[in-house]
Amino acid sequence: MREKVSERFLKYITLDTTANSKNENCPSSEGQRFFANYLVQELKELGLTDANVDENSYVMATLKGNTEGVDTIGFISHLDTAPDVSGKDIKPRIVKNYDGKDIVLNEKLNVVTKVADYPEIAQFAGDDLIVTDGTTLLGADDKAGIAEIVTAIEYLIENAQIKHGDIKIGFTPDEEIGRGADLFKVEKFGAKYAYTIDGGIEGELQYENFNAAAATITIQGRNVHPGSAKNKMVNALHIAAEISNMFPASQRPETTEGYEGFYHLNDINGNVENATMVYIIRDHDREKFESRKVYMQDAINKLNERYDGRISLDLNDQYFNMREEVEPVKFIVDIAEEAMNEVGIKPLILPIRGGTDGARLSFMGLPCPNIFTGGLNFHSKNECIPVKSMEKCTQLIVKIAQKYAQR
């Protein structure tokens, strides 16, 4: 199992599936379309004859059950990688028997994964780690999840004595740019409950996530030659700086943790004449989340009084805390926790400081907690994954399927 899951993962990450938020098509990149078709072929070769991909590159397939009266469950991962760091020409290497010390990824570029900066990696001393060459991300988010699901399905096929019900498989495009569930057909998928395999470090089990909104602030300045600018120029960049300073430094991602929410300035572009700022707003508490949106709107209104309405705000909700939908069927979380204990994984039941396809799918009628892939430092050149954690996740998927049959 360990060899197969790592081989699959290393094969999958050779494909560039970086999402492109500037492309309104679905999928937003042709690499995702290629990968989707590749996976359909692989699943058919394993014996999943109904494996299919639609025009938007949503992949679905069924492993038929060998036991009657079992709830149909699903496992879901996403095809794309984050656009934050390049996902093209990934050159991984395996650090055998990791010694628990700093890992030099690229000596020439001085890219190092330091234990001081990423202390959680030290616990994997003695394991084999897959790392980058310091020029790209790795792609464990979420090609590790896909590799783990496919390998678990292959294991169940090869070990027909393991009892399980119907198992649905779903791979979605464009999760990293917030569109993964947009065109997901829950009724076609056909599962009663599902799990996204899209978490981080080994043991993560999550059924709470941020409430999320996105905000685009557009500033219209007035450019005049600086030699004659007095009482005429309105510098959009200075207004952008004022806006940034209206949100406390104590409420940014880099200064918050756990259930604490934040305002995150994700992108800024512009010049004197005009500027654009892109924020994301996050909070686990729905009331605090709504207050954050009101605070932002009030801040813009206040500045508009001074700058004659030169600032516009486009504020939209993205997803909500899945806890509202999962708690009524919390036994699906309990089953995953029990399965973890049975395969020797210490459960880490923590809120997601982010979101997954499962958050939106839960509100679409498919309760969908999130399970670890084993990866660390997602969306960065320091991304890595212990091979043992991928093996553990694969074992966990098999065990969850067993436990539903035992019910």
Protein backbone atom coordinates (compact mmCIF):
# COMPACT_ATOMS: atom_id res chain seq x y z
CA MET A 1 0.00 0.00 0.00
CA ARG A 2 2.80 2.41 0.90
CA GLU A 3 4.64 1.80 -2.36
CA LYS A 4 1.53 2.12 -4.49
CA VAL A 5 0.24 5.33 -2.93
CA SER A 6 3.63 7.05 -3.15
CA GLU A 7 4.13 5.91 -6.77
CA ARG A 8 0.71 7.28 -7.72
CA PHE A 9 1.37 10.56 -5.99
CA LEU A 10 4.74 11.03 -7.68
CA LYS A 11 3.11 10.29 -11.03
CA TYR A 12 0.21 12.69 -10.47
CA ILE A 13 2.38 15.65 -9.51
CA THR A 14 4.14 15.56 -12.88
CA LEU A 15 0.91 17.05 -14.29
CA ASP A 16 0.49 20.82 -14.00
CA THR A 17 -3.05 21.44 -12.76
CA THR A 18 -2.64 24.96 -11.37
CA ALA A 19 -5.98 26.76 -11.06
CA ASN A 20 -6.37 30.12 -12.79
CA SER A 21 -8.72 32.55 -11.05
CA LYS A 22 -8.63 34.91 -14.04
CA ASN A 23 -10.19 32.29 -16.31
CA GLU A 24 -13.96 32.03 -15.86
CA ASN A 25 -14.15 28.66 -17.63
CA CYS A 26 -14.53 25.41 -15.74
CA PRO A 27 -12.03 23.95 -15.38
CA SER A 28 -9.91 27.07 -15.27
CA SER A 29 -6.85 25.28 -16.70
CA GLU A 30 -6.43 22.62 -19.36
CA GLY A 31 -4.11 20.63 -17.12
CA GLN A 32 -7.08 19.81 -14.91
CA ARG A 33 -9.06 18.55 -17.88
CA PHE A 34 -6.18 16.28 -18.89
CA PHE A 35 -5.80 14.97 -15.34
CA ALA A 36 -9.55 14.29 -15.06
CA ASN A 37 -9.51 12.17 -18.21
CA TYR A 38 -6.37 10.41 -17.04
CA LEU A 39 -8.06 9.45 -13.77
CA VAL A 40 -11.19 8.17 -15.51
CA GLN A 41 -9.04 5.84 -17.57
CA GLU A 42 -7.16 4.68 -14.48
CA LEU A 43 -10.39 3.99 -12.58
CA LYS A 44 -11.82 2.03 -15.49
CA GLU A 45 -8.67 -0.08 -15.61
CA LEU A 46 -9.23 -0.86 -11.93
CA GLY A 47 -12.71 -2.11 -12.81
CA LEU A 48 -14.92 0.89 -12.07
CA THR A 49 -16.84 0.69 -15.31
CA ASP A 50 -19.08 3.71 -14.59
CA ALA A 51 -16.12 6.08 -14.17
CA ASN A 52 -16.95 9.26 -16.04
CA VAL A 53 -16.01 12.92 -16.44
CA ASP A 54 -18.43 15.66 -17.43
CA GLU A 55 -17.85 18.72 -19.60
CA ASN A 56 -16.57 20.66 -16.57
CA SER A 57 -14.05 17.95 -15.53
CA TYR A 58 -15.94 16.63 -12.50
CA VAL A 59 -14.92 12.98 -12.15
CA MET A 60 -17.28 10.46 -10.57
CA ALA A 61 -17.15 6.68 -10.19
CA THR A 62 -18.60 3.87 -8.06
CA LEU A 63 -17.06 0.87 -6.35
CA LYS A 64 -20.05 -1.44 -5.99
CA GLY A 65 -20.62 -2.84 -2.53
CA ASN A 66 -20.45 -6.47 -1.54
CA THR A 67 -22.81 -6.10 1.44
CA GLU A 68 -26.46 -5.11 1.39
CA GLY A 69 -28.16 -2.49 3.57
CA VAL A 70 -25.12 -0.22 3.90
CA ASP A 71 -25.32 3.55 3.53
CA THR A 72 -23.62 4.78 0.37
CA ILE A 73 -20.61 6.92 1.28
CA GLY A 74 -18.25 9.00 -0.81
CA PHE A 75 -14.66 10.20 -0.81
CA ILE A 76 -13.79 13.48 -2.55
CA SER A 77 -10.58 15.30 -3.49
CA HIS A 78 -9.72 18.09 -5.92
CA LEU A 79 -7.73 18.10 -9.14
CA ASP A 80 -6.17 21.56 -8.99
CA THR A 81 -3.24 23.03 -7.13
CA ALA A 82 -3.07 26.53 -5.70
CA PRO A 83 -1.90 29.42 -7.93
CA ASP A 84 0.08 30.95 -5.04
CA VAL A 85 3.26 29.12 -6.13
CA SER A 86 4.04 27.45 -9.45
CA GLY A 87 2.86 23.87 -9.89
CA LYS A 88 4.68 23.35 -13.19
CA ASP A 89 7.71 21.09 -13.62
CA ILE A 90 7.63 19.85 -10.04
CA LYS A 91 10.87 18.05 -9.19
CA PRO A 92 10.33 16.13 -5.96
CA ARG A 93 12.87 14.15 -4.02
CA ILE A 94 12.52 11.71 -1.15
CA VAL A 95 14.42 12.42 2.04
CA LYS A 96 15.02 8.90 3.30
CA ASN A 97 14.91 8.34 7.05
CA TYR A 98 14.57 12.07 7.77
CA ASP A 99 16.91 13.08 10.61
CA GLY A 100 14.60 15.70 12.17
CA LYS A 101 16.83 18.63 11.18
CA ASP A 102 16.60 21.49 8.67
CA ILE A 103 16.12 20.35 5.06
CA VAL A 104 18.02 22.23 2.36
CA LEU A 105 15.67 22.22 -0.62
CA ASN A 106 17.70 24.42 -2.92
CA GLU A 107 21.18 25.48 -1.88
CA LYS A 108 21.63 27.83 -4.82
CA LEU A 109 18.39 29.73 -4.07
CA ASN A 110 18.83 29.39 -0.29
CA VAL A 111 15.46 27.69 0.16
CA VAL A 112 15.47 25.75 3.42
CA THR A 113 12.72 24.12 5.44
CA LYS A 114 13.85 25.09 8.92
CA VAL A 115 12.58 23.29 11.99
CA ALA A 116 12.49 26.66 13.74
CA ASP A 117 9.98 27.90 11.16
CA TYR A 118 8.09 24.62 10.68
CA PRO A 119 8.46 22.81 14.04
CA GLU A 120 5.80 20.20 13.24
CA ILE A 121 8.09 18.45 10.74
CA ALA A 122 10.43 17.31 13.52
CA GLN A 123 7.88 14.73 14.69
CA PHE A 124 8.41 12.84 11.42
CA ALA A 125 12.06 12.06 12.12
CA GLY A 126 12.74 8.54 10.90
CA ASP A 127 10.10 8.72 8.18
CA ASP A 128 10.66 9.18 4.46
CA LEU A 129 9.59 12.69 3.41
CA ILE A 130 8.72 13.80 -0.12
CA VAL A 131 9.87 17.41 -0.60
CA THR A 132 10.24 19.94 -3.41
CA ASP A 133 13.39 21.26 -5.04
CA GLY A 134 12.58 24.72 -3.67
CA THR A 135 11.24 26.18 -6.92
CA THR A 136 7.61 24.97 -6.90
CA LEU A 137 4.97 23.70 -4.54
CA LEU A 138 4.67 19.91 -4.20
CA GLY A 139 1.01 19.32 -5.00
CA ALA A 140 0.07 17.22 -1.97
CA ASP A 141 -2.90 19.57 -1.79
CA ASP A 142 -4.66 17.67 -3.18
CA LYS A 143 -3.00 15.09 -5.39
CA ALA A 144 -2.08 13.18 -2.24
CA GLY A 145 -5.80 12.92 -1.46
CA ILE A 146 -6.52 11.57 -4.94
CA ALA A 147 -3.67 9.05 -4.70
CA GLU A 148 -4.92 7.89 -1.32
CA ILE A 149 -8.50 7.42 -2.50
CA VAL A 150 -7.53 5.56 -5.68
CA THR A 151 -5.10 3.32 -3.78
CA ALA A 152 -7.73 2.52 -1.13
CA ILE A 153 -10.22 1.59 -3.85
CA GLU A 154 -7.63 -0.63 -5.51
CA TYR A 155 -6.98 -2.32 -2.15
CA LEU A 156 -10.67 -3.01 -1.61
CA ILE A 157 -10.93 -4.49 -5.11
CA GLU A 158 -7.94 -6.76 -4.49
CA ASN A 159 -9.23 -7.79 -1.05
CA ALA A 160 -12.81 -8.73 -1.82
CA GLN A 161 -13.26 -10.33 1.60
CA ILE A 162 -13.46 -6.85 3.16
CA LYS A 163 -17.14 -6.00 3.51
CA HIS A 164 -18.32 -2.59 2.34
CA GLY A 165 -21.27 -0.86 0.75
CA ASP A 166 -21.32 1.23 -2.41
CA ILE A 167 -18.48 3.76 -2.39
CA LYS A 168 -18.65 6.88 -4.53
CA ILE A 169 -15.54 8.70 -5.72
CA GLY A 170 -15.52 12.36 -6.71
CA PHE A 171 -12.73 14.59 -7.98
CA THR A 172 -13.51 18.27 -8.46
CA PRO A 173 -11.81 21.11 -10.37
CA ASP A 174 -10.90 24.58 -9.12
CA GLU A 175 -11.26 24.06 -5.37
CA GLU A 176 -8.28 26.32 -4.75
CA ILE A 177 -10.06 29.30 -6.30
CA GLY A 178 -13.33 28.68 -4.46
CA ARG A 179 -15.29 27.04 -7.27
CA GLY A 180 -14.90 23.36 -6.50
CA ALA A 181 -18.52 22.76 -5.53
CA ASP A 182 -20.07 25.19 -8.01
CA LEU A 183 -21.13 22.56 -10.54
CA PHE A 184 -20.97 19.43 -8.37
CA LYS A 185 -24.09 17.32 -8.95
CA VAL A 186 -24.96 15.91 -5.53
CA GLU A 187 -27.89 13.86 -6.82
CA LYS A 188 -25.77 12.29 -9.55
CA PHE A 189 -22.99 11.54 -7.06
CA GLY A 190 -25.47 9.48 -5.08
CA ALA A 191 -23.81 9.29 -1.68
CA LYS A 192 -25.65 9.81 1.61
CA TYR A 193 -22.53 10.99 3.43
CA ALA A 194 -19.03 11.82 2.21
CA TYR A 195 -15.54 12.79 3.34
CA THR A 196 -13.18 15.19 1.63
CA ILE A 197 -9.60 13.95 1.76
CA ASP A 198 -8.10 17.41 1.76
CA GLY A 199 -6.65 18.08 5.20
CA GLY A 200 -3.09 18.55 6.35
CA ILE A 201 -1.01 16.81 8.97
CA GLU A 202 -1.68 13.18 9.91
CA GLY A 203 -4.67 12.83 12.23
CA GLU A 204 -6.65 15.89 11.20
CA LEU A 205 -10.39 15.34 11.34
CA GLN A 206 -12.46 18.43 10.81
CA TYR A 207 -16.13 19.28 10.73
CA GLU A 208 -15.86 23.00 11.46
CA ASN A 209 -14.52 25.60 9.06
CA PHE A 210 -14.48 29.35 8.56
CA ASN A 211 -17.43 31.33 7.36
CA ALA A 212 -15.93 33.06 4.36
CA ALA A 213 -16.43 36.16 2.24
CA ALA A 214 -14.42 37.83 -0.52
CA ALA A 215 -14.15 41.58 -0.97
CA THR A 216 -12.85 43.58 -3.93
CA ILE A 217 -12.19 47.25 -3.23
CA THR A 218 -11.81 49.51 -6.25
CA ILE A 219 -10.33 52.98 -5.82
CA GLN A 220 -10.60 55.70 -8.43
CA GLY A 221 -7.84 58.26 -8.00
CA ARG A 222 -7.03 61.37 -10.04
CA ASN A 223 -3.62 61.63 -11.59
CA VAL A 224 -2.01 65.02 -12.24
CA HIS A 225 1.61 65.85 -13.07
CA PRO A 226 3.36 65.93 -9.68
CA GLY A 227 4.79 69.34 -10.46
CA SER A 228 1.31 70.88 -10.38
CA ALA A 229 -0.49 68.36 -8.20
CA LYS A 230 -1.30 70.49 -5.16
CA ASN A 231 -5.04 70.38 -4.32
CA LYS A 232 -5.65 68.36 -7.49
CA MET A 233 -4.05 64.92 -7.25
CA VAL A 234 -5.91 62.12 -5.51
CA ASN A 235 -3.49 59.22 -5.09
CA ALA A 236 -5.32 55.88 -5.18
CA LEU A 237 -2.30 54.14 -3.65
CA HIS A 238 -2.38 56.35 -0.56
CA ILE A 239 -6.07 55.65 -0.15
CA ALA A 240 -5.30 51.93 -0.37
CA ALA A 241 -2.75 52.36 2.41
CA GLU A 242 -5.38 54.11 4.54
CA ILE A 243 -7.79 51.26 3.97
CA SER A 244 -5.19 48.68 4.95
CA ASN A 245 -4.47 50.57 8.17
CA MET A 246 -8.15 50.51 9.14
CA PHE A 247 -7.93 46.76 9.79
CA PRO A 248 -5.98 45.90 12.97
CA ALA A 249 -2.68 44.06 12.60
CA SER A 250 -3.87 41.77 15.39
CA GLN A 251 -6.60 40.49 13.06
CA ARG A 252 -4.49 39.16 10.21
CA PRO A 253 -3.75 35.50 9.36
CA GLU A 254 -0.17 35.85 10.58
CA THR A 255 -1.32 36.97 14.04
CA THR A 256 -4.30 34.66 14.64
CA GLU A 257 -4.92 30.97 15.32
CA GLY A 258 -7.60 28.47 16.32
CA TYR A 259 -11.07 29.97 16.19
CA GLU A 260 -9.80 33.53 15.72
CA GLY A 261 -10.99 35.24 12.55
CA PHE A 262 -9.14 37.68 10.33
CA TYR A 263 -9.05 40.14 7.45
CA HIS A 264 -6.49 39.13 4.83
CA LEU A 265 -5.20 41.48 2.14
CA ASN A 266 -4.64 38.87 -0.54
CA ASP A 267 -3.79 41.08 -3.51
CA ILE A 268 -3.19 44.73 -4.35
CA ASN A 269 -2.55 46.34 -7.72
CA GLY A 270 -2.61 49.87 -9.00
CA ASN A 271 -1.12 53.29 -9.54
CA VAL A 272 -2.05 56.89 -8.77
CA GLU A 273 -5.05 56.82 -11.10
CA ASN A 274 -6.67 53.64 -9.82
CA ALA A 275 -6.04 50.74 -7.49
CA THR A 276 -7.66 47.44 -6.57
CA MET A 277 -7.45 45.55 -3.29
CA VAL A 278 -8.68 42.00 -2.76
CA TYR A 279 -9.50 40.87 0.77
CA ILE A 280 -10.82 37.66 2.24
CA ILE A 281 -12.79 37.76 5.48
CA ARG A 282 -12.89 34.72 7.77
CA ASP A 283 -14.46 33.80 11.11
CA HIS A 284 -15.78 30.56 12.62
CA ASP A 285 -18.49 32.37 14.59
CA ARG A 286 -21.36 33.39 12.30
CA GLU A 287 -22.24 36.49 14.35
CA LYS A 288 -18.64 37.71 14.39
CA PHE A 289 -18.39 36.97 10.67
CA GLU A 290 -21.38 39.18 9.93
CA SER A 291 -19.88 41.91 12.14
CA ARG A 292 -16.64 41.80 10.19
CA LYS A 293 -18.50 42.43 6.94
CA VAL A 294 -20.36 45.34 8.49
CA TYR A 295 -17.09 46.79 9.82
CA MET A 296 -15.55 46.69 6.34
CA GLN A 297 -18.57 48.34 4.74
CA ASP A 298 -18.62 51.05 7.41
CA ALA A 299 -14.89 51.69 6.92
CA ILE A 300 -15.38 52.20 3.19
CA ASN A 301 -18.41 54.43 3.75
CA LYS A 302 -16.41 56.59 6.14
CA LEU A 303 -13.56 57.06 3.67
CA ASN A 304 -16.00 57.76 0.86
CA GLU A 305 -17.26 60.77 2.78
CA ARG A 306 -13.74 62.21 2.61
CA TYR A 307 -12.96 61.14 -0.93
CA ASP A 308 -16.24 61.97 -2.69
CA GLY A 309 -17.33 58.38 -3.30
CA ARG A 310 -14.17 57.27 -5.10
CA ILE A 311 -14.15 53.85 -3.41
CA SER A 312 -16.43 50.94 -4.28
CA LEU A 313 -16.80 47.66 -2.42
CA ASP A 314 -17.93 44.36 -3.92
CA LEU A 315 -18.50 41.97 -0.99
CA ASN A 316 -19.73 38.40 -1.47
CA ASP A 317 -20.16 35.35 0.74
CA GLN A 318 -18.17 32.28 -0.33
CA TYR A 319 -19.10 29.50 2.09
CA PHE A 320 -20.29 28.90 5.65
CA ASN A 321 -19.30 26.77 8.64
CA MET A 322 -20.21 23.16 7.84
CA ARG A 323 -20.76 22.43 11.53
CA GLU A 324 -24.37 23.57 11.13
CA GLU A 325 -25.01 20.73 8.68
CA VAL A 326 -22.73 18.02 10.11
CA GLU A 327 -23.70 18.15 13.79
CA PRO A 328 -27.18 16.64 13.18
CA VAL A 329 -25.40 13.54 11.76
CA LYS A 330 -22.28 13.72 13.90
CA PHE A 331 -21.99 9.94 13.95
CA ILE A 332 -20.17 10.28 10.60
CA VAL A 333 -17.42 12.15 12.45
CA ASP A 334 -17.48 9.57 15.25
CA ILE A 335 -17.05 6.73 12.74
CA ALA A 336 -13.98 8.43 11.27
CA GLU A 337 -12.55 9.01 14.75
CA GLU A 338 -13.10 5.37 15.73
CA ALA A 339 -11.51 4.24 12.46
CA MET A 340 -8.46 6.39 13.16
CA ASN A 341 -7.98 4.80 16.56
CA GLU A 342 -8.31 1.33 15.06
CA VAL A 343 -5.55 1.91 12.49
CA GLY A 344 -3.19 3.61 14.95
CA ILE A 345 -3.78 7.27 14.12
CA LYS A 346 -4.12 9.85 16.87
CA PRO A 347 -7.18 11.96 15.99
CA LEU A 348 -6.66 15.73 15.85
CA ILE A 349 -10.16 17.18 15.85
CA LEU A 350 -9.55 20.81 15.02
CA PRO A 351 -11.40 23.59 13.22
CA ILE A 352 -10.26 24.22 9.65
CA ARG A 353 -8.65 27.62 9.30
CA GLY A 354 -9.90 27.68 5.74
CA GLY A 355 -12.51 25.80 3.76
CA THR A 356 -12.95 22.73 1.60
CA ASP A 357 -15.38 21.58 -1.03
CA GLY A 358 -17.01 19.73 1.85
CA ALA A 359 -18.13 22.96 3.49
CA ARG A 360 -20.29 23.92 0.53
CA LEU A 361 -21.32 20.35 -0.22
CA SER A 362 -22.62 20.03 3.32
CA PHE A 363 -25.00 22.92 2.64
CA MET A 364 -25.96 21.28 -0.66
CA GLY A 365 -27.29 18.22 1.15
CA LEU A 366 -24.13 16.09 1.38
CA PRO A 367 -22.69 16.20 4.93
CA CYS A 368 -18.97 16.09 4.37
CA PRO A 369 -16.29 16.25 7.12
CA ASN A 370 -12.65 16.65 6.13
CA ILE A 371 -9.82 14.15 6.67
CA PHE A 372 -6.05 14.61 6.52
CA THR A 373 -3.89 13.82 3.51
CA GLY A 374 -0.68 13.98 5.55
CA GLY A 375 0.77 17.02 3.80
CA LEU A 376 2.40 19.99 5.51
CA ASN A 377 3.10 23.62 4.50
CA PHE A 378 0.59 23.67 1.65
CA HIS A 379 0.78 26.37 -1.04
CA SER A 380 4.49 26.87 -0.53
CA LYS A 381 7.91 25.77 -1.74
CA ASN A 382 8.35 24.15 1.67
CA GLU A 383 5.43 21.79 1.10
CA CYS A 384 6.19 18.18 2.02
CA ILE A 385 4.48 14.92 2.90
CA PRO A 386 5.59 11.86 4.88
CA VAL A 387 5.09 8.65 2.90
CA LYS A 388 3.93 6.89 6.07
CA SER A 389 1.13 9.45 6.48
CA MET A 390 -0.12 8.74 2.96
CA GLU A 391 -0.16 5.05 3.80
CA LYS A 392 -2.08 5.76 7.02
CA CYS A 393 -4.69 7.82 5.17
CA THR A 394 -5.15 5.01 2.65
CA GLN A 395 -5.66 2.53 5.49
CA LEU A 396 -8.14 4.91 7.10
CA ILE A 397 -10.31 5.15 3.97
CA VAL A 398 -10.51 1.35 3.87
CA LYS A 399 -11.36 1.18 7.57
CA ILE A 400 -14.13 3.79 7.29
CA ALA A 401 -15.71 1.76 4.49
CA GLN A 402 -15.53 -1.34 6.71
CA LYS A 403 -17.11 0.42 9.67
CA TYR A 404 -20.15 1.53 7.66
CA ALA A 405 -20.68 -2.10 6.68
CA GLN A 406 -20.38 -3.15 10.33
CA ARG A 407 -23.14 -0.72 11.28
